[in-house]
Protein backbone atom coordinates (compact mmCIF):
# COMPACT_ATOMS: atom_id res chain seq x y z
CA MET A 1 0.00 0.00 0.00
CA SER A 2 1.21 3.45 -0.76
CA LYS A 3 1.57 6.18 1.80
CA ILE A 4 -1.21 8.17 0.11
CA MET A 5 -3.74 5.35 0.47
CA MET A 6 -2.84 4.81 4.13
CA SER A 7 -3.24 8.50 4.92
CA GLU A 8 -6.64 8.58 3.18
CA GLU A 9 -7.81 5.59 5.24
CA MET A 10 -6.64 7.27 8.41
CA LYS A 11 -8.54 10.44 7.50
CA SER A 12 -11.76 8.52 6.96
CA ALA A 13 -11.71 6.94 10.43
CA PRO A 14 -14.62 8.20 12.53
CA ALA A 15 -13.81 10.75 15.19
CA ALA A 16 -14.42 9.97 18.84
CA PRO A 17 -17.80 11.22 20.04
CA SER A 18 -17.82 14.47 21.97
CA PRO A 19 -18.58 14.44 25.71
CA LEU A 20 -21.98 16.00 24.98
CA ARG A 21 -22.76 13.24 22.46
CA ARG A 22 -21.77 10.62 25.06
CA LEU A 23 -24.07 12.21 27.63
CA LEU A 24 -26.96 12.14 25.17
CA CYS A 25 -26.66 8.40 24.58
CA TRP A 26 -28.82 6.16 26.76
CA GLU A 27 -26.03 4.91 29.03
CA GLY A 28 -24.74 8.42 29.58
CA PHE A 29 -28.23 9.60 30.45
CA LEU A 30 -28.65 6.79 32.99
CA LEU A 31 -25.28 7.62 34.53
CA ALA A 32 -26.24 11.31 34.79
CA VAL A 33 -29.58 10.46 36.44
CA THR A 34 -27.86 8.12 38.90
CA LEU A 35 -25.31 10.79 39.83
CA ALA A 36 -28.06 13.41 40.18
CA VAL A 37 -30.06 11.16 42.52
CA PHE A 38 -26.91 10.48 44.54
CA VAL A 39 -26.10 14.20 44.87
CA VAL A 40 -29.69 15.13 45.79
CA ASN A 41 -29.81 12.43 48.48
CA ALA A 42 -26.40 13.45 49.82
CA LEU A 43 -27.57 17.07 50.13
CA ALA A 44 -31.02 16.19 51.51
CA SER A 45 -29.86 13.93 54.35
CA PRO A 46 -26.75 14.12 56.51
CA TYR A 47 -27.01 10.35 57.05
CA PHE A 48 -26.89 9.37 53.37
CA LEU A 49 -23.08 9.26 53.12
CA ASN A 50 -22.74 7.74 56.58
CA ILE A 51 -20.63 4.56 56.51
CA TRP A 52 -23.37 2.58 58.27
CA ASN A 53 -26.00 3.66 55.76
CA LEU A 54 -23.78 2.82 52.79
CA SER A 55 -22.87 -0.52 54.36
CA ASP A 56 -26.53 -1.35 55.01
CA ALA A 57 -27.56 -0.33 51.50
CA THR A 58 -24.79 -2.49 50.03
CA PHE A 59 -25.83 -5.47 52.14
CA ASN A 60 -29.48 -5.16 51.19
CA PHE A 61 -28.60 -4.85 47.51
CA THR A 62 -26.15 -7.74 47.30
CA GLU A 63 -28.48 -10.62 48.08
CA LYS A 64 -31.09 -9.34 45.63
CA ALA A 65 -28.50 -8.67 42.92
CA ILE A 66 -27.34 -12.28 43.01
CA ILE A 67 -30.83 -13.29 41.89
CA VAL A 68 -31.79 -10.28 39.76
CA LEU A 69 -28.71 -9.91 37.54
CA PRO A 70 -28.96 -13.37 35.93
CA MET A 71 -32.70 -12.80 35.52
CA ALA A 72 -31.96 -9.51 33.75
CA MET A 73 -29.71 -11.34 31.30
CA LEU A 74 -32.50 -13.82 30.60
CA ILE A 75 -35.03 -11.05 30.05
CA ILE A 76 -32.62 -9.23 27.70
CA ALA A 77 -32.43 -12.50 25.74
CA ARG A 78 -36.26 -12.54 25.66
CA GLU A 79 -36.48 -15.53 27.99
CA ILE A 80 -37.66 -15.98 31.58
CA ASP A 81 -37.07 -18.34 34.48
CA LEU A 82 -39.90 -18.64 36.97
CA SER A 83 -38.34 -21.58 38.82
CA VAL A 84 -35.60 -19.63 40.61
CA ALA A 85 -37.20 -19.70 44.07
CA SER A 86 -38.09 -23.38 43.76
CA THR A 87 -34.54 -24.18 42.67
CA MET A 88 -33.24 -22.32 45.73
CA ALA A 89 -35.65 -24.26 47.95
CA LEU A 90 -34.59 -27.62 46.47
CA SER A 91 -30.89 -26.73 46.82
CA SER A 92 -31.41 -25.65 50.42
CA THR A 93 -33.34 -28.83 51.21
CA ALA A 94 -30.56 -30.98 49.75
CA MET A 95 -28.05 -29.06 51.86
CA GLY A 96 -30.22 -29.58 54.96
CA PHE A 97 -30.42 -33.34 54.41
CA CYS A 98 -26.67 -33.55 53.86
CA ALA A 99 -26.03 -31.45 56.98
CA ALA A 100 -28.24 -33.79 59.01
CA ALA A 101 -26.15 -36.70 57.69
CA GLY A 102 -23.01 -35.00 59.04
CA MET A 103 -21.47 -33.71 55.82
CA ASP A 104 -18.76 -31.03 56.12
CA THR A 105 -19.48 -27.42 55.17
CA PRO A 106 -17.46 -27.26 51.92
CA LEU A 107 -19.29 -30.35 50.68
CA LEU A 108 -22.63 -28.80 51.70
CA VAL A 109 -21.88 -25.75 49.61
CA ALA A 110 -20.88 -28.01 46.71
CA VAL A 111 -24.15 -29.96 47.07
CA GLY A 112 -26.21 -26.76 47.06
CA LEU A 113 -24.40 -25.38 44.02
CA GLY A 114 -24.57 -28.77 42.29
CA VAL A 115 -28.32 -29.15 42.77
CA GLY A 116 -28.88 -25.60 41.52
CA LEU A 117 -26.62 -26.26 38.54
CA LEU A 118 -28.45 -29.47 37.64
CA CYS A 119 -31.85 -27.78 37.91
CA GLY A 120 -30.70 -24.92 35.69
CA LEU A 121 -29.09 -27.34 33.26
CA PHE A 122 -32.32 -29.32 33.04
CA ASN A 123 -34.28 -26.14 32.29
CA GLY A 124 -31.68 -25.00 29.76
CA ILE A 125 -31.63 -28.31 27.91
CA LEU A 126 -35.41 -28.42 27.66
CA VAL A 127 -35.54 -24.86 26.31
CA THR A 128 -32.57 -24.97 23.93
CA ARG A 129 -32.40 -28.55 22.67
CA PHE A 130 -36.12 -29.08 22.28
CA ASN A 131 -36.92 -25.46 21.35
CA LEU A 132 -39.64 -25.18 24.00
CA SER A 133 -40.96 -21.96 25.51
CA SER A 134 -38.99 -20.93 28.58
CA ILE A 135 -42.08 -19.73 30.43
CA VAL A 136 -43.85 -23.07 29.95
CA ILE A 137 -40.78 -25.08 30.97
CA THR A 138 -40.00 -22.99 34.03
CA ILE A 139 -43.62 -23.04 35.23
CA GLY A 140 -43.47 -26.82 34.99
CA THR A 141 -40.09 -27.16 36.67
CA MET A 142 -41.13 -24.65 39.32
CA SER A 143 -43.94 -27.03 40.29
CA LEU A 144 -41.64 -30.05 39.97
CA TYR A 145 -38.87 -28.63 42.16
CA ARG A 146 -41.29 -27.26 44.74
CA GLY A 147 -43.11 -30.60 44.84
CA ILE A 148 -39.87 -32.54 45.36
CA THR A 149 -38.92 -30.12 48.13
CA TYR A 150 -42.30 -30.35 49.84
CA HIS A 151 -42.55 -34.14 49.67
CA SER A 152 -38.97 -34.74 50.80
CA ALA A 153 -38.83 -32.21 53.64
CA GLY A 154 -42.48 -31.80 54.52
CA ARG A 155 -43.12 -28.75 56.63
CA GLN A 156 -39.94 -28.94 58.67
CA GLY A 157 -36.82 -26.97 57.99
CA ALA A 158 -33.22 -27.84 58.68
CA GLN A 159 -32.85 -28.12 62.44
CA SER A 160 -29.09 -27.91 62.72
CA LEU A 161 -26.51 -26.43 60.42
CA PRO A 162 -22.73 -26.51 60.81
CA GLY A 163 -21.14 -23.55 62.55
CA GLN A 164 -19.55 -22.20 59.38
CA LEU A 165 -22.93 -21.97 57.63
CA ARG A 166 -24.49 -20.25 60.63
CA LEU A 167 -21.82 -17.55 60.32
CA VAL A 168 -23.06 -16.69 56.82
CA ARG A 169 -26.15 -14.74 57.76
CA PRO A 170 -27.66 -11.33 57.19
CA GLY A 171 -26.08 -8.64 59.29
CA LEU A 172 -22.70 -10.30 59.84
CA ARG A 173 -20.16 -7.67 60.88
CA VAL A 174 -16.52 -8.23 60.05
CA GLY A 175 -14.10 -5.47 61.02
CA GLY A 176 -16.92 -2.94 61.27
CA ALA A 177 -18.30 -3.74 57.81
CA LEU A 178 -21.79 -5.18 57.47
CA PHE A 179 -22.16 -8.19 55.19
């Protein structure tokens, strides 16, 4: 390639968008609104930027975000999973039975994650391999997982959990931070 052709290609490259153009895009607008809400709240209340308030807000957000963020990805993909709570119940029940049998905490966590993974894999295979509607499949598996949980555990919950699992609870303070 000649130097003339290279310089012409370089000239035709699009220029970076201006800061105003970035602000006018959807993501920039959302960022500006978030910052505005933050500033208004900080000015309206002396407690808003308090370390305890920020710690509490972070704690309350985290447990919901673990469930909501994957659901958001499904909704963006135009799918839905209604069996999330039933999957959590079945995973917790499996962990409770294994804890009653004397299983160690790391294995309990592996059992809970494994049951959740298998339930999600089952849903995913039915939806993707057989091209079935995700809402129909997850309504069905919601009933299936909840039924298995109810019939295996009845109305009783786990009576005793290992000490390490009891430490993982809402409101745990480590070094002044709330988890």
